[in-house]
């Protein structure tokens, strides 16, 4: 649909879209960073950063960025920063699983694209609670998840399972096409919004991409 190439991530966690283009949610995050940059140092975290495409763009927008991933993308991030002209001293790679809840704080912007659906619902809620704790009041979260209205739901075994228990592999065709080799929890808009609200976020905007994925912007009260 978007002309993305099959740039697979490590360990079968989907295609790295951010290394190829900025989507609508990426652009919203960049516009927000630019709107507050200059008032004080801006600190952002890109959770599930992959090759670091969005992390580099956030650096160029004026933020200091923690690029975090459970896999080792240190070398790929360095190459991305060099290619995009991002200042490497403003971007730090941190290898950690979101479930470990590393000791990070004073964050103004949380970016989490195409990652949260790799967690069961209860673990996703735990992650959103952690995002809430590390973010300063007034900070923003830019979150996306694979959606039940996308083609990923074709022959998805957990399609009719309540979100609290929904966690299953995609069909073989969809898994191979999108390089998603692990179980996922696909979301409907009201489900992702409800999860963010339960974690204490004030959801400002929820929308579905043309592909069918769910995206939202939320504020830390």
C-alpha atoms as a PDB file:
ATOM      1  CA  UNK A   1       0.000   0.000   0.000  1.00  0.00           C
ATOM      2  CA  UNK A   2       2.787   2.455   0.894  1.00  0.00           C
ATOM      3  CA  UNK A   3       5.571   1.040  -1.253  1.00  0.00           C
ATOM      4  CA  UNK A   4       7.514  -0.249   1.748  1.00  0.00           C
ATOM      5  CA  UNK A   5      10.286  -2.733   1.110  1.00  0.00           C
ATOM      6  CA  UNK A   6      10.716  -5.915   3.114  1.00  0.00           C
ATOM      7  CA  UNK A   7      13.359  -4.588   5.522  1.00  0.00           C
ATOM      8  CA  UNK A   8      12.920  -7.247   8.181  1.00  0.00           C
ATOM      9  CA  UNK A   9      13.736  -6.635  11.822  1.00  0.00           C
ATOM     10  CA  UNK A  10      15.791  -8.984  13.949  1.00  0.00           C
ATOM     11  CA  UNK A  11      14.018 -12.113  15.248  1.00  0.00           C
ATOM     12  CA  UNK A  12      10.941 -11.811  13.058  1.00  0.00           C
ATOM     13  CA  UNK A  13       9.394  -8.721  14.667  1.00  0.00           C
ATOM     14  CA  UNK A  14       7.926  -7.327  11.476  1.00  0.00           C
ATOM     15  CA  UNK A  15       9.210  -4.972   8.804  1.00  0.00           C
ATOM     16  CA  UNK A  16      11.180  -1.855   9.780  1.00  0.00           C
ATOM     17  CA  UNK A  17       8.968   0.848   8.303  1.00  0.00           C
ATOM     18  CA  UNK A  18      10.549   3.762  10.187  1.00  0.00           C
ATOM     19  CA  UNK A  19      13.882   3.201   8.437  1.00  0.00           C
ATOM     20  CA  UNK A  20      12.130   3.810   5.103  1.00  0.00           C
ATOM     21  CA  UNK A  21       9.694   6.638   5.795  1.00  0.00           C
ATOM     22  CA  UNK A  22       7.955   8.714   8.441  1.00  0.00           C
ATOM     23  CA  UNK A  23       4.264   7.899   8.701  1.00  0.00           C
ATOM     24  CA  UNK A  24       1.491  10.146   9.983  1.00  0.00           C
ATOM     25  CA  UNK A  25       2.082   9.315  13.651  1.00  0.00           C
ATOM     26  CA  UNK A  26       5.840   9.835  13.256  1.00  0.00           C
ATOM     27  CA  UNK A  27       5.162  13.257  11.757  1.00  0.00           C
ATOM     28  CA  UNK A  28       2.829  14.191  14.623  1.00  0.00           C
ATOM     29  CA  UNK A  29       5.577  13.351  17.108  1.00  0.00           C
ATOM     30  CA  UNK A  30       8.134  15.405  15.167  1.00  0.00           C
ATOM     31  CA  UNK A  31       5.774  18.385  14.976  1.00  0.00           C
ATOM     32  CA  UNK A  32       5.217  18.188  18.729  1.00  0.00           C
ATOM     33  CA  UNK A  33       8.955  18.060  19.452  1.00  0.00           C
ATOM     34  CA  UNK A  34       9.562  21.079  17.213  1.00  0.00           C
ATOM     35  CA  UNK A  35       6.742  22.982  18.948  1.00  0.00           C
ATOM     36  CA  UNK A  36       8.351  22.594  22.387  1.00  0.00           C
ATOM     37  CA  UNK A  37      12.046  22.524  21.447  1.00  0.00           C
ATOM     38  CA  UNK A  38      13.960  25.594  22.570  1.00  0.00           C
ATOM     39  CA  UNK A  39      11.985  26.032  25.775  1.00  0.00           C
ATOM     40  CA  UNK A  40      14.244  23.527  27.556  1.00  0.00           C
ATOM     41  CA  UNK A  41      16.084  20.315  26.614  1.00  0.00           C
ATOM     42  CA  UNK A  42      13.598  17.789  25.226  1.00  0.00           C
ATOM     43  CA  UNK A  43      14.026  14.114  26.075  1.00  0.00           C
ATOM     44  CA  UNK A  44      12.326  11.424  24.006  1.00  0.00           C
ATOM     45  CA  UNK A  45      12.356   7.646  23.971  1.00  0.00           C
ATOM     46  CA  UNK A  46      11.749   5.464  20.906  1.00  0.00           C
ATOM     47  CA  UNK A  47      10.633   2.079  22.247  1.00  0.00           C
ATOM     48  CA  UNK A  48      11.226  -0.683  19.725  1.00  0.00           C
ATOM     49  CA  UNK A  49      13.492   1.605  17.707  1.00  0.00           C
ATOM     50  CA  UNK A  50      14.781  -0.980  15.211  1.00  0.00           C
ATOM     51  CA  UNK A  51      17.244   0.579  12.780  1.00  0.00           C
ATOM     52  CA  UNK A  52      16.549   3.996  14.313  1.00  0.00           C
ATOM     53  CA  UNK A  53      14.816   5.888  11.518  1.00  0.00           C
ATOM     54  CA  UNK A  54      12.410   7.736  13.796  1.00  0.00           C
ATOM     55  CA  UNK A  55      15.013   8.151  16.534  1.00  0.00           C
ATOM     56  CA  UNK A  56      17.255   9.994  14.045  1.00  0.00           C
ATOM     57  CA  UNK A  57      14.359  12.182  12.916  1.00  0.00           C
ATOM     58  CA  UNK A  58      13.552  13.086  16.528  1.00  0.00           C
ATOM     59  CA  UNK A  59      17.178  14.076  17.086  1.00  0.00           C
ATOM     60  CA  UNK A  60      17.021  16.315  14.030  1.00  0.00           C
ATOM     61  CA  UNK A  61      13.752  17.810  15.341  1.00  0.00           C
ATOM     62  CA  UNK A  62      15.585  18.936  18.473  1.00  0.00           C
ATOM     63  CA  UNK A  63      15.326  16.128  21.031  1.00  0.00           C
ATOM     64  CA  UNK A  64      17.783  14.066  22.999  1.00  0.00           C
ATOM     65  CA  UNK A  65      16.711  10.501  22.276  1.00  0.00           C
ATOM     66  CA  UNK A  66      16.953   7.136  23.992  1.00  0.00           C
ATOM     67  CA  UNK A  67      16.633   4.553  21.214  1.00  0.00           C
ATOM     68  CA  UNK A  68      15.525   1.401  23.000  1.00  0.00           C
ATOM     69  CA  UNK A  69      15.101  -2.119  21.671  1.00  0.00           C
ATOM     70  CA  UNK A  70      15.249  -5.666  23.006  1.00  0.00           C
ATOM     71  CA  UNK A  71      17.602  -6.570  20.130  1.00  0.00           C
ATOM     72  CA  UNK A  72      21.047  -5.118  19.453  1.00  0.00           C
ATOM     73  CA  UNK A  73      20.611  -2.350  16.863  1.00  0.00           C
ATOM     74  CA  UNK A  74      23.573  -0.286  18.016  1.00  0.00           C
ATOM     75  CA  UNK A  75      25.471  -0.544  14.700  1.00  0.00           C
ATOM     76  CA  UNK A  76      22.337   0.001  12.602  1.00  0.00           C
ATOM     77  CA  UNK A  77      21.415   3.077  14.625  1.00  0.00           C
ATOM     78  CA  UNK A  78      24.895   4.539  14.157  1.00  0.00           C
ATOM     79  CA  UNK A  79      24.601   4.071  10.383  1.00  0.00           C
ATOM     80  CA  UNK A  80      21.149   5.634  10.351  1.00  0.00           C
ATOM     81  CA  UNK A  81      22.321   8.669  12.313  1.00  0.00           C
ATOM     82  CA  UNK A  82      25.260   9.106   9.936  1.00  0.00           C
ATOM     83  CA  UNK A  83      22.979   8.844   6.908  1.00  0.00           C
ATOM     84  CA  UNK A  84      20.378  11.254   8.298  1.00  0.00           C
ATOM     85  CA  UNK A  85      22.902  13.743   9.637  1.00  0.00           C
ATOM     86  CA  UNK A  86      21.740  13.240  13.219  1.00  0.00           C
ATOM     87  CA  UNK A  87      24.067  14.242  16.035  1.00  0.00           C
ATOM     88  CA  UNK A  88      25.227  10.967  17.551  1.00  0.00           C
ATOM     89  CA  UNK A  89      25.908  12.634  20.904  1.00  0.00           C
ATOM     90  CA  UNK A  90      22.167  13.362  21.186  1.00  0.00           C
ATOM     91  CA  UNK A  91      21.067   9.753  20.701  1.00  0.00           C
ATOM     92  CA  UNK A  92      21.826   6.875  23.055  1.00  0.00           C
ATOM     93  CA  UNK A  93      21.072   3.231  22.267  1.00  0.00           C
ATOM     94  CA  UNK A  94      19.730   1.257  25.195  1.00  0.00           C
ATOM     95  CA  UNK A  95      19.202  -2.476  24.862  1.00  0.00           C
ATOM     96  CA  UNK A  96      16.377  -3.558  27.138  1.00  0.00           C
ATOM     97  CA  UNK A  97      13.097  -5.398  27.101  1.00  0.00           C
ATOM     98  CA  UNK A  98      10.148  -3.159  27.930  1.00  0.00           C
ATOM     99  CA  UNK A  99       9.061  -5.676  30.550  1.00  0.00           C
ATOM    100  CA  UNK A 100      12.222  -5.049  32.551  1.00  0.00           C
ATOM    101  CA  UNK A 101      11.053  -1.462  33.181  1.00  0.00           C
ATOM    102  CA  UNK A 102      14.534   0.133  33.153  1.00  0.00           C
ATOM    103  CA  UNK A 103      15.254   3.107  35.395  1.00  0.00           C
ATOM    104  CA  UNK A 104      14.596   5.954  32.977  1.00  0.00           C
ATOM    105  CA  UNK A 105      12.783   9.200  33.726  1.00  0.00           C
ATOM    106  CA  UNK A 106      12.036  12.829  32.844  1.00  0.00           C
ATOM    107  CA  UNK A 107      10.777  11.930  29.361  1.00  0.00           C
ATOM    108  CA  UNK A 108       8.777  14.454  27.333  1.00  0.00           C
ATOM    109  CA  UNK A 109       7.884  12.238  24.360  1.00  0.00           C
ATOM    110  CA  UNK A 110       7.275   8.483  24.208  1.00  0.00           C
ATOM    111  CA  UNK A 111       7.333   6.982  20.703  1.00  0.00           C
ATOM    112  CA  UNK A 112       6.179   3.378  20.390  1.00  0.00           C
ATOM    113  CA  UNK A 113       5.334   2.215  16.898  1.00  0.00           C
ATOM    114  CA  UNK A 114       4.516  -1.345  15.812  1.00  0.00           C
ATOM    115  CA  UNK A 115       5.733  -2.931  19.063  1.00  0.00           C
ATOM    116  CA  UNK A 116       2.972  -3.127  21.661  1.00  0.00           C
ATOM    117  CA  UNK A 117       1.060  -5.849  19.775  1.00  0.00           C
ATOM    118  CA  UNK A 118       3.914  -8.313  20.416  1.00  0.00           C
ATOM    119  CA  UNK A 119       2.845  -8.345  24.085  1.00  0.00           C
ATOM    120  CA  UNK A 120      -0.202 -10.055  25.592  1.00  0.00           C
ATOM    121  CA  UNK A 121      -2.778  -7.523  26.755  1.00  0.00           C
ATOM    122  CA  UNK A 122      -1.760  -7.652  30.436  1.00  0.00           C
ATOM    123  CA  UNK A 123       1.908  -7.078  29.494  1.00  0.00           C
ATOM    124  CA  UNK A 124       0.920  -4.238  27.150  1.00  0.00           C
ATOM    125  CA  UNK A 125      -0.908  -2.579  30.043  1.00  0.00           C
ATOM    126  CA  UNK A 126       2.200  -2.977  32.196  1.00  0.00           C
ATOM    127  CA  UNK A 127       4.264  -1.311  29.447  1.00  0.00           C
ATOM    128  CA  UNK A 128       1.819   1.592  29.168  1.00  0.00           C
ATOM    129  CA  UNK A 129       1.958   2.022  32.944  1.00  0.00           C
ATOM    130  CA  UNK A 130       5.759   2.176  32.714  1.00  0.00           C
ATOM    131  CA  UNK A 131       5.556   4.750  29.895  1.00  0.00           C
ATOM    132  CA  UNK A 132       3.282   6.787  32.177  1.00  0.00           C
ATOM    133  CA  UNK A 133       5.709   6.622  35.098  1.00  0.00           C
ATOM    134  CA  UNK A 134       8.756   7.728  33.114  1.00  0.00           C
ATOM    135  CA  UNK A 135       6.969  10.636  31.397  1.00  0.00           C
ATOM    136  CA  UNK A 136       6.782  14.136  32.831  1.00  0.00           C
ATOM    137  CA  UNK A 137       3.351  15.729  33.369  1.00  0.00           C
ATOM    138  CA  UNK A 138       2.225  17.262  30.086  1.00  0.00           C
ATOM    139  CA  UNK A 139       4.334  14.816  28.082  1.00  0.00           C
ATOM    140  CA  UNK A 140       2.949  12.958  25.094  1.00  0.00           C
ATOM    141  CA  UNK A 141       2.802   9.346  23.983  1.00  0.00           C
ATOM    142  CA  UNK A 142       2.585   8.408  20.292  1.00  0.00           C
ATOM    143  CA  UNK A 143       1.465   4.777  20.115  1.00  0.00           C
ATOM    144  CA  UNK A 144       0.464   2.371  17.360  1.00  0.00           C
ATOM    145  CA  UNK A 145      -0.587  -1.263  17.183  1.00  0.00           C
ATOM    146  CA  UNK A 146      -1.501  -3.657  14.414  1.00  0.00           C
ATOM    147  CA  UNK A 147      -5.249  -3.543  13.924  1.00  0.00           C
ATOM    148  CA  UNK A 148      -8.167  -5.911  13.605  1.00  0.00           C
ATOM    149  CA  UNK A 149      -9.217  -3.911  10.535  1.00  0.00           C
ATOM    150  CA  UNK A 150      -5.934  -4.639   8.739  1.00  0.00           C
ATOM    151  CA  UNK A 151      -5.204  -7.552   6.453  1.00  0.00           C
ATOM    152  CA  UNK A 152      -3.228  -9.083   9.316  1.00  0.00           C
ATOM    153  CA  UNK A 153      -6.585 -10.218  10.733  1.00  0.00           C
ATOM    154  CA  UNK A 154      -7.270 -12.427   7.700  1.00  0.00           C
ATOM    155  CA  UNK A 155      -7.539 -15.967   9.140  1.00  0.00           C
ATOM    156  CA  UNK A 156      -6.219 -14.692  12.488  1.00  0.00           C
ATOM    157  CA  UNK A 157      -7.081 -17.442  14.957  1.00  0.00           C
ATOM    158  CA  UNK A 158      -7.876 -15.087  17.838  1.00  0.00           C
ATOM    159  CA  UNK A 159     -10.171 -12.811  15.849  1.00  0.00           C
ATOM    160  CA  UNK A 160     -13.199 -13.518  18.055  1.00  0.00           C
ATOM    161  CA  UNK A 161     -11.302 -13.743  21.349  1.00  0.00           C
ATOM    162  CA  UNK A 162     -11.715 -10.919  23.919  1.00  0.00           C
ATOM    163  CA  UNK A 163      -8.730  -8.572  23.919  1.00  0.00           C
ATOM    164  CA  UNK A 164      -7.731  -9.644  27.438  1.00  0.00           C
ATOM    165  CA  UNK A 165      -6.992 -13.161  26.100  1.00  0.00           C
ATOM    166  CA  UNK A 166      -6.246 -12.353  22.458  1.00  0.00           C
ATOM    167  CA  UNK A 167      -2.743 -13.493  21.531  1.00  0.00           C
ATOM    168  CA  UNK A 168      -2.067 -15.733  18.544  1.00  0.00           C
ATOM    169  CA  UNK A 169       0.036 -16.228  15.433  1.00  0.00           C
ATOM    170  CA  UNK A 170      -1.020 -14.663  12.151  1.00  0.00           C
ATOM    171  CA  UNK A 171      -1.931 -16.907   9.263  1.00  0.00           C
ATOM    172  CA  UNK A 172       1.110 -18.358   7.511  1.00  0.00           C
ATOM    173  CA  UNK A 173       0.546 -16.087   4.492  1.00  0.00           C
ATOM    174  CA  UNK A 174       0.341 -12.889   6.552  1.00  0.00           C
ATOM    175  CA  UNK A 175       3.246 -13.906   8.811  1.00  0.00           C
ATOM    176  CA  UNK A 176       5.528 -14.447   5.839  1.00  0.00           C
ATOM    177  CA  UNK A 177       4.371 -11.345   3.984  1.00  0.00           C
ATOM    178  CA  UNK A 178       4.945  -9.029   6.953  1.00  0.00           C
ATOM    179  CA  UNK A 179       7.824 -10.910   8.650  1.00  0.00           C
ATOM    180  CA  UNK A 180       5.769 -11.231  11.832  1.00  0.00           C
ATOM    181  CA  UNK A 181       6.760 -14.642  13.160  1.00  0.00           C
ATOM    182  CA  UNK A 182       5.563 -14.312  16.752  1.00  0.00           C
ATOM    183  CA  UNK A 183       2.103 -14.265  18.372  1.00  0.00           C
ATOM    184  CA  UNK A 184       0.418 -10.864  18.401  1.00  0.00           C
ATOM    185  CA  UNK A 185      -2.574  -9.125  19.933  1.00  0.00           C
ATOM    186  CA  UNK A 186      -4.412  -7.196  17.220  1.00  0.00           C
ATOM    187  CA  UNK A 187      -6.458  -4.214  18.423  1.00  0.00           C
ATOM    188  CA  UNK A 188      -9.649  -2.351  17.665  1.00  0.00           C
ATOM    189  CA  UNK A 189      -9.539   1.438  18.264  1.00  0.00           C
ATOM    190  CA  UNK A 190     -11.684   1.368  21.406  1.00  0.00           C
ATOM    191  CA  UNK A 191      -9.543  -1.430  22.864  1.00  0.00           C
ATOM    192  CA  UNK A 192      -6.231   0.388  22.494  1.00  0.00           C
ATOM    193  CA  UNK A 193      -7.792   3.607  23.748  1.00  0.00           C
ATOM    194  CA  UNK A 194      -9.227   1.785  26.752  1.00  0.00           C
ATOM    195  CA  UNK A 195      -5.857   0.250  27.577  1.00  0.00           C
ATOM    196  CA  UNK A 196      -4.098   3.632  27.437  1.00  0.00           C
ATOM    197  CA  UNK A 197      -6.804   5.205  29.594  1.00  0.00           C
ATOM    198  CA  UNK A 198      -6.524   2.397  32.138  1.00  0.00           C
ATOM    199  CA  UNK A 199      -2.803   3.187  32.406  1.00  0.00           C
ATOM    200  CA  UNK A 200      -3.642   6.798  33.296  1.00  0.00           C
ATOM    201  CA  UNK A 201      -3.159   8.504  29.932  1.00  0.00           C
ATOM    202  CA  UNK A 202      -5.512  11.195  28.625  1.00  0.00           C
ATOM    203  CA  UNK A 203      -6.148  10.063  25.064  1.00  0.00           C
ATOM    204  CA  UNK A 204      -6.315  13.062  22.735  1.00  0.00           C
ATOM    205  CA  UNK A 205      -6.645  11.375  19.351  1.00  0.00           C
ATOM    206  CA  UNK A 206      -7.363   7.868  18.058  1.00  0.00           C
ATOM    207  CA  UNK A 207      -7.443   6.951  14.393  1.00  0.00           C
ATOM    208  CA  UNK A 208      -7.022   4.044  12.011  1.00  0.00           C
ATOM    209  CA  UNK A 209      -4.481   4.156   9.189  1.00  0.00           C
ATOM    210  CA  UNK A 210      -5.507   3.351   5.598  1.00  0.00           C
ATOM    211  CA  UNK A 211      -3.846  -0.044   6.138  1.00  0.00           C
ATOM    212  CA  UNK A 212      -6.036  -0.631   9.201  1.00  0.00           C
ATOM    213  CA  UNK A 213      -3.610  -0.184  12.095  1.00  0.00           C
ATOM    214  CA  UNK A 214      -4.655   1.696  15.244  1.00  0.00           C
ATOM    215  CA  UNK A 215      -2.795   4.835  16.304  1.00  0.00           C
ATOM    216  CA  UNK A 216      -3.235   7.239  19.159  1.00  0.00           C
ATOM    217  CA  UNK A 217      -1.807  10.329  20.803  1.00  0.00           C
ATOM    218  CA  UNK A 218      -2.135  10.670  24.561  1.00  0.00           C
ATOM    219  CA  UNK A 219      -1.120  13.172  27.238  1.00  0.00           C
ATOM    220  CA  UNK A 220       0.377  12.460  30.649  1.00  0.00           C
ATOM    221  CA  UNK A 221      -1.772  14.447  33.135  1.00  0.00           C
END
